[in-house]
Amino acid sequence: MRWIVLSSLMLLAACDPQQVADQAGRRLAATVVLPVVQLDMPTPLAQRATDCIVRNATAAEVQALARDVAVVAGSSTKATIRGIALRPEAGACFAANGVPQVRT
């Protein structure tokens, strides 16, 4: 029993609150990105593209995207998503996951 308590405490100590907040924000941002991406591709591809976009978003972009939860994405949000999707890192992620490249 003591071992379980000690290992639980060590696990909690290893959790970085900043990292936990970032992961939560990225999950929220994904709920905003997916419907936008689904306008251009079927859901299975859109889910993989969304993962690539959210993974390559900066912390500030994640926060901006997460603010649009539960509302229809506007032109600014769509432009942010497109800008992230056009980055070389996102393009490499798309290629690795069988997602077509975004055309400029």
N, C-alpha and C. Protein backbone atom coordinates (compact mmCIF):
# COMPACT_ATOMS: atom_id res chain seq x y z
N MET A 1 0.82 -1.19 0.00
CA MET A 1 0.00 0.00 0.00
C MET A 1 0.87 1.25 0.00
N ARG A 2 1.88 1.23 0.81
CA ARG A 2 2.79 2.39 0.89
C ARG A 2 3.45 2.65 -0.46
N TRP A 3 3.80 1.58 -1.17
CA TRP A 3 4.43 1.70 -2.48
C TRP A 3 3.49 2.40 -3.46
N ILE A 4 2.19 2.07 -3.39
CA ILE A 4 1.21 2.69 -4.29
C ILE A 4 1.10 4.18 -4.01
N VAL A 5 1.07 4.55 -2.75
CA VAL A 5 0.98 5.96 -2.39
C VAL A 5 2.22 6.71 -2.86
N LEU A 6 3.39 6.13 -2.65
CA LEU A 6 4.64 6.78 -3.07
C LEU A 6 4.69 6.92 -4.59
N SER A 7 4.31 5.87 -5.30
CA SER A 7 4.37 5.98 -6.76
C SER A 7 3.32 6.97 -7.28
N SER A 8 2.17 7.07 -6.63
CA SER A 8 1.17 8.06 -7.03
C SER A 8 1.70 9.47 -6.81
N LEU A 9 2.35 9.70 -5.69
CA LEU A 9 2.93 11.01 -5.41
C LEU A 9 4.02 11.36 -6.42
N MET A 10 4.84 10.39 -6.78
CA MET A 10 5.89 10.63 -7.78
C MET A 10 5.27 10.96 -9.14
N LEU A 11 4.20 10.27 -9.48
CA LEU A 11 3.53 10.55 -10.75
C LEU A 11 2.94 11.95 -10.76
N LEU A 12 2.30 12.34 -9.69
CA LEU A 12 1.75 13.69 -9.61
C LEU A 12 2.84 14.75 -9.66
N ALA A 13 3.95 14.49 -9.03
CA ALA A 13 5.05 15.45 -9.05
C ALA A 13 5.62 15.60 -10.46
N ALA A 14 5.54 14.53 -11.24
CA ALA A 14 6.07 14.56 -12.60
C ALA A 14 5.16 15.33 -13.55
N CYS A 15 3.90 15.52 -13.19
CA CYS A 15 2.95 16.24 -14.04
C CYS A 15 3.25 17.73 -14.00
N ASP A 16 3.48 18.27 -15.14
CA ASP A 16 3.73 19.70 -15.27
C ASP A 16 2.40 20.39 -15.53
N PRO A 17 1.94 21.27 -14.62
CA PRO A 17 0.64 21.93 -14.83
C PRO A 17 0.55 22.65 -16.17
N GLN A 18 1.64 23.23 -16.62
CA GLN A 18 1.66 23.92 -17.92
C GLN A 18 1.38 22.93 -19.05
N GLN A 19 1.99 21.76 -18.95
CA GLN A 19 1.80 20.74 -19.98
C GLN A 19 0.36 20.21 -19.96
N VAL A 20 -0.18 20.03 -18.78
CA VAL A 20 -1.56 19.56 -18.66
C VAL A 20 -2.52 20.59 -19.27
N ALA A 21 -2.29 21.87 -18.98
CA ALA A 21 -3.12 22.94 -19.54
C ALA A 21 -2.98 23.00 -21.06
N ASP A 22 -1.76 22.82 -21.57
CA ASP A 22 -1.54 22.85 -23.01
C ASP A 22 -2.29 21.71 -23.68
N GLN A 23 -2.22 20.52 -23.11
CA GLN A 23 -2.91 19.37 -23.70
C GLN A 23 -4.42 19.57 -23.69
N ALA A 24 -4.94 20.14 -22.62
CA ALA A 24 -6.38 20.42 -22.55
C ALA A 24 -6.78 21.45 -23.61
N GLY A 25 -5.96 22.48 -23.76
CA GLY A 25 -6.22 23.49 -24.78
C GLY A 25 -6.17 22.92 -26.18
N ARG A 26 -5.25 22.02 -26.42
CA ARG A 26 -5.14 21.40 -27.75
C ARG A 26 -6.34 20.51 -28.04
N ARG A 27 -6.85 19.83 -27.01
CA ARG A 27 -8.07 19.02 -27.21
C ARG A 27 -9.25 19.93 -27.56
N LEU A 28 -9.36 21.05 -26.88
CA LEU A 28 -10.44 22.01 -27.19
C LEU A 28 -10.26 22.57 -28.60
N ALA A 29 -9.03 22.94 -28.94
CA ALA A 29 -8.76 23.49 -30.27
C ALA A 29 -9.13 22.49 -31.36
N ALA A 30 -8.89 21.22 -31.11
CA ALA A 30 -9.23 20.19 -32.10
C ALA A 30 -10.72 20.16 -32.39
N THR A 31 -11.55 20.46 -31.38
CA THR A 31 -13.00 20.47 -31.61
C THR A 31 -13.42 21.65 -32.47
N VAL A 32 -12.59 22.66 -32.54
CA VAL A 32 -12.85 23.81 -33.41
C VAL A 32 -12.32 23.54 -34.82
N VAL A 33 -11.15 22.94 -34.90
CA VAL A 33 -10.49 22.70 -36.18
C VAL A 33 -11.22 21.64 -37.01
N LEU A 34 -11.64 20.56 -36.39
CA LEU A 34 -12.22 19.44 -37.14
C LEU A 34 -13.39 19.84 -38.03
N PRO A 35 -14.39 20.56 -37.54
CA PRO A 35 -15.50 20.92 -38.45
C PRO A 35 -15.06 21.78 -39.64
N VAL A 36 -14.06 22.59 -39.44
CA VAL A 36 -13.55 23.42 -40.54
C VAL A 36 -12.87 22.54 -41.58
N VAL A 37 -12.06 21.61 -41.13
CA VAL A 37 -11.33 20.73 -42.04
C VAL A 37 -12.30 19.77 -42.75
N GLN A 38 -13.36 19.38 -42.05
CA GLN A 38 -14.35 18.47 -42.65
C GLN A 38 -15.06 19.09 -43.84
N LEU A 39 -15.00 20.39 -43.98
CA LEU A 39 -15.60 21.04 -45.15
C LEU A 39 -14.87 20.67 -46.43
N ASP A 40 -13.59 20.28 -46.30
CA ASP A 40 -12.77 20.00 -47.47
C ASP A 40 -12.39 18.54 -47.67
N MET A 41 -12.65 17.69 -46.67
CA MET A 41 -12.27 16.29 -46.81
C MET A 41 -13.13 15.41 -45.92
N PRO A 42 -13.19 14.11 -46.24
CA PRO A 42 -13.99 13.21 -45.43
C PRO A 42 -13.44 13.08 -44.00
N THR A 43 -14.30 12.69 -43.10
CA THR A 43 -13.97 12.66 -41.67
C THR A 43 -12.68 11.92 -41.31
N PRO A 44 -12.42 10.72 -41.82
CA PRO A 44 -11.17 10.05 -41.40
C PRO A 44 -9.92 10.88 -41.74
N LEU A 45 -9.89 11.45 -42.93
CA LEU A 45 -8.76 12.30 -43.31
C LEU A 45 -8.77 13.59 -42.49
N ALA A 46 -9.94 14.13 -42.27
CA ALA A 46 -10.06 15.38 -41.51
C ALA A 46 -9.55 15.20 -40.08
N GLN A 47 -9.80 14.06 -39.49
CA GLN A 47 -9.30 13.81 -38.13
C GLN A 47 -7.78 13.77 -38.10
N ARG A 48 -7.18 13.13 -39.10
CA ARG A 48 -5.71 13.09 -39.15
C ARG A 48 -5.14 14.47 -39.43
N ALA A 49 -5.79 15.21 -40.32
CA ALA A 49 -5.33 16.58 -40.62
C ALA A 49 -5.46 17.46 -39.39
N THR A 50 -6.55 17.31 -38.66
CA THR A 50 -6.77 18.09 -37.44
C THR A 50 -5.66 17.82 -36.44
N ASP A 51 -5.29 16.56 -36.27
CA ASP A 51 -4.19 16.22 -35.36
C ASP A 51 -2.91 16.93 -35.76
N CYS A 52 -2.61 16.93 -37.06
CA CYS A 52 -1.40 17.60 -37.55
C CYS A 52 -1.46 19.10 -37.31
N ILE A 53 -2.61 19.69 -37.56
CA ILE A 53 -2.76 21.14 -37.40
C ILE A 53 -2.60 21.53 -35.93
N VAL A 54 -3.31 20.82 -35.06
CA VAL A 54 -3.25 21.14 -33.63
C VAL A 54 -1.85 20.89 -33.08
N ARG A 55 -1.20 19.84 -33.52
CA ARG A 55 0.15 19.53 -33.06
C ARG A 55 1.15 20.62 -33.45
N ASN A 56 0.91 21.27 -34.58
CA ASN A 56 1.85 22.28 -35.08
C ASN A 56 1.44 23.72 -34.76
N ALA A 57 0.37 23.88 -33.99
CA ALA A 57 -0.06 25.22 -33.57
C ALA A 57 0.78 25.70 -32.39
N THR A 58 1.04 26.98 -32.36
CA THR A 58 1.74 27.56 -31.21
C THR A 58 0.76 27.63 -30.03
N ALA A 59 1.29 27.88 -28.85
CA ALA A 59 0.43 28.01 -27.66
C ALA A 59 -0.58 29.13 -27.84
N ALA A 60 -0.15 30.24 -28.42
CA ALA A 60 -1.06 31.37 -28.65
C ALA A 60 -2.16 31.00 -29.64
N GLU A 61 -1.80 30.25 -30.68
CA GLU A 61 -2.80 29.82 -31.66
C GLU A 61 -3.79 28.85 -31.03
N VAL A 62 -3.29 27.97 -30.19
CA VAL A 62 -4.17 27.02 -29.50
C VAL A 62 -5.18 27.78 -28.65
N GLN A 63 -4.71 28.78 -27.93
CA GLN A 63 -5.61 29.58 -27.10
C GLN A 63 -6.66 30.29 -27.95
N ALA A 64 -6.23 30.84 -29.07
CA ALA A 64 -7.16 31.54 -29.95
C ALA A 64 -8.20 30.58 -30.52
N LEU A 65 -7.76 29.40 -30.93
CA LEU A 65 -8.69 28.42 -31.48
C LEU A 65 -9.66 27.92 -30.40
N ALA A 66 -9.14 27.68 -29.22
CA ALA A 66 -9.97 27.16 -28.13
C ALA A 66 -11.06 28.15 -27.72
N ARG A 67 -10.82 29.43 -27.95
CA ARG A 67 -11.84 30.45 -27.62
C ARG A 67 -13.09 30.30 -28.49
N ASP A 68 -12.95 29.62 -29.63
CA ASP A 68 -14.09 29.45 -30.54
C ASP A 68 -14.89 28.18 -30.28
N VAL A 69 -14.68 27.54 -29.15
CA VAL A 69 -15.45 26.35 -28.82
C VAL A 69 -16.93 26.72 -28.74
N ALA A 70 -17.75 25.88 -29.34
CA ALA A 70 -19.22 26.01 -29.31
C ALA A 70 -19.75 27.17 -30.16
N VAL A 71 -18.94 27.72 -31.03
CA VAL A 71 -19.43 28.72 -31.99
C VAL A 71 -18.95 28.31 -33.38
N VAL A 72 -19.59 28.84 -34.38
CA VAL A 72 -19.17 28.57 -35.75
C VAL A 72 -17.90 29.36 -36.03
N ALA A 73 -16.90 28.67 -36.60
CA ALA A 73 -15.62 29.32 -36.87
C ALA A 73 -15.80 30.45 -37.87
N GLY A 74 -15.23 31.59 -37.53
CA GLY A 74 -15.28 32.75 -38.42
C GLY A 74 -14.10 32.79 -39.35
N SER A 75 -14.00 33.86 -40.11
CA SER A 75 -12.94 33.97 -41.11
C SER A 75 -11.55 34.04 -40.47
N SER A 76 -11.43 34.65 -39.31
CA SER A 76 -10.14 34.73 -38.63
C SER A 76 -9.68 33.35 -38.18
N THR A 77 -10.61 32.57 -37.63
CA THR A 77 -10.28 31.21 -37.19
C THR A 77 -9.90 30.36 -38.39
N LYS A 78 -10.64 30.46 -39.47
CA LYS A 78 -10.33 29.69 -40.67
C LYS A 78 -8.97 30.08 -41.23
N ALA A 79 -8.64 31.37 -41.17
CA ALA A 79 -7.33 31.82 -41.64
C ALA A 79 -6.21 31.28 -40.75
N THR A 80 -6.44 31.21 -39.45
CA THR A 80 -5.44 30.66 -38.54
C THR A 80 -5.21 29.18 -38.85
N ILE A 81 -6.28 28.45 -39.04
CA ILE A 81 -6.18 27.02 -39.35
C ILE A 81 -5.42 26.83 -40.66
N ARG A 82 -5.76 27.60 -41.66
CA ARG A 82 -5.08 27.49 -42.97
C ARG A 82 -3.60 27.84 -42.85
N GLY A 83 -3.30 28.89 -42.10
CA GLY A 83 -1.90 29.28 -41.91
C GLY A 83 -1.08 28.18 -41.27
N ILE A 84 -1.65 27.53 -40.27
CA ILE A 84 -0.94 26.42 -39.62
C ILE A 84 -0.78 25.27 -40.60
N ALA A 85 -1.84 24.96 -41.36
CA ALA A 85 -1.81 23.84 -42.30
C ALA A 85 -0.78 24.05 -43.41
N LEU A 86 -0.45 25.29 -43.72
CA LEU A 86 0.51 25.57 -44.79
C LEU A 86 1.97 25.50 -44.33
N ARG A 87 2.19 25.36 -43.05
CA ARG A 87 3.57 25.28 -42.55
C ARG A 87 4.23 23.98 -43.00
N PRO A 88 5.53 24.03 -43.26
CA PRO A 88 6.23 22.81 -43.69
C PRO A 88 6.09 21.65 -42.70
N GLU A 89 6.08 21.96 -41.42
CA GLU A 89 5.97 20.90 -40.41
C GLU A 89 4.61 20.21 -40.50
N ALA A 90 3.56 20.99 -40.70
CA ALA A 90 2.23 20.42 -40.86
C ALA A 90 2.16 19.62 -42.16
N GLY A 91 2.78 20.15 -43.21
CA GLY A 91 2.82 19.42 -44.48
C GLY A 91 3.51 18.08 -44.35
N ALA A 92 4.58 18.04 -43.60
CA ALA A 92 5.28 16.77 -43.37
C ALA A 92 4.40 15.80 -42.59
N CYS A 93 3.67 16.32 -41.63
CA CYS A 93 2.75 15.50 -40.85
C CYS A 93 1.63 14.97 -41.75
N PHE A 94 1.11 15.83 -42.63
CA PHE A 94 0.08 15.40 -43.57
C PHE A 94 0.60 14.25 -44.43
N ALA A 95 1.79 14.43 -44.98
CA ALA A 95 2.37 13.41 -45.85
C ALA A 95 2.55 12.08 -45.10
N ALA A 96 3.00 12.16 -43.87
CA ALA A 96 3.22 10.95 -43.07
C ALA A 96 1.92 10.25 -42.71
N ASN A 97 0.81 10.97 -42.77
CA ASN A 97 -0.48 10.41 -42.37
C ASN A 97 -1.47 10.25 -43.53
N GLY A 98 -0.97 10.40 -44.77
CA GLY A 98 -1.81 10.18 -45.94
C GLY A 98 -2.86 11.26 -46.19
N VAL A 99 -2.58 12.46 -45.69
CA VAL A 99 -3.50 13.59 -45.86
C VAL A 99 -3.00 14.42 -47.04
N PRO A 100 -3.89 14.80 -47.98
CA PRO A 100 -3.44 15.63 -49.10
C PRO A 100 -2.92 16.99 -48.62
N GLN A 101 -1.95 17.50 -49.31
CA GLN A 101 -1.38 18.79 -48.98
C GLN A 101 -2.39 19.91 -49.25
N VAL A 102 -2.29 20.96 -48.46
CA VAL A 102 -3.14 22.14 -48.65
C VAL A 102 -2.57 22.93 -49.82
N ARG A 103 -3.43 23.32 -50.72
CA ARG A 103 -2.97 24.12 -51.86
C ARG A 103 -2.94 25.58 -51.48
N THR A 104 -1.90 26.27 -51.95
CA THR A 104 -1.78 27.70 -51.65
C THR A 104 -2.64 28.53 -52.55
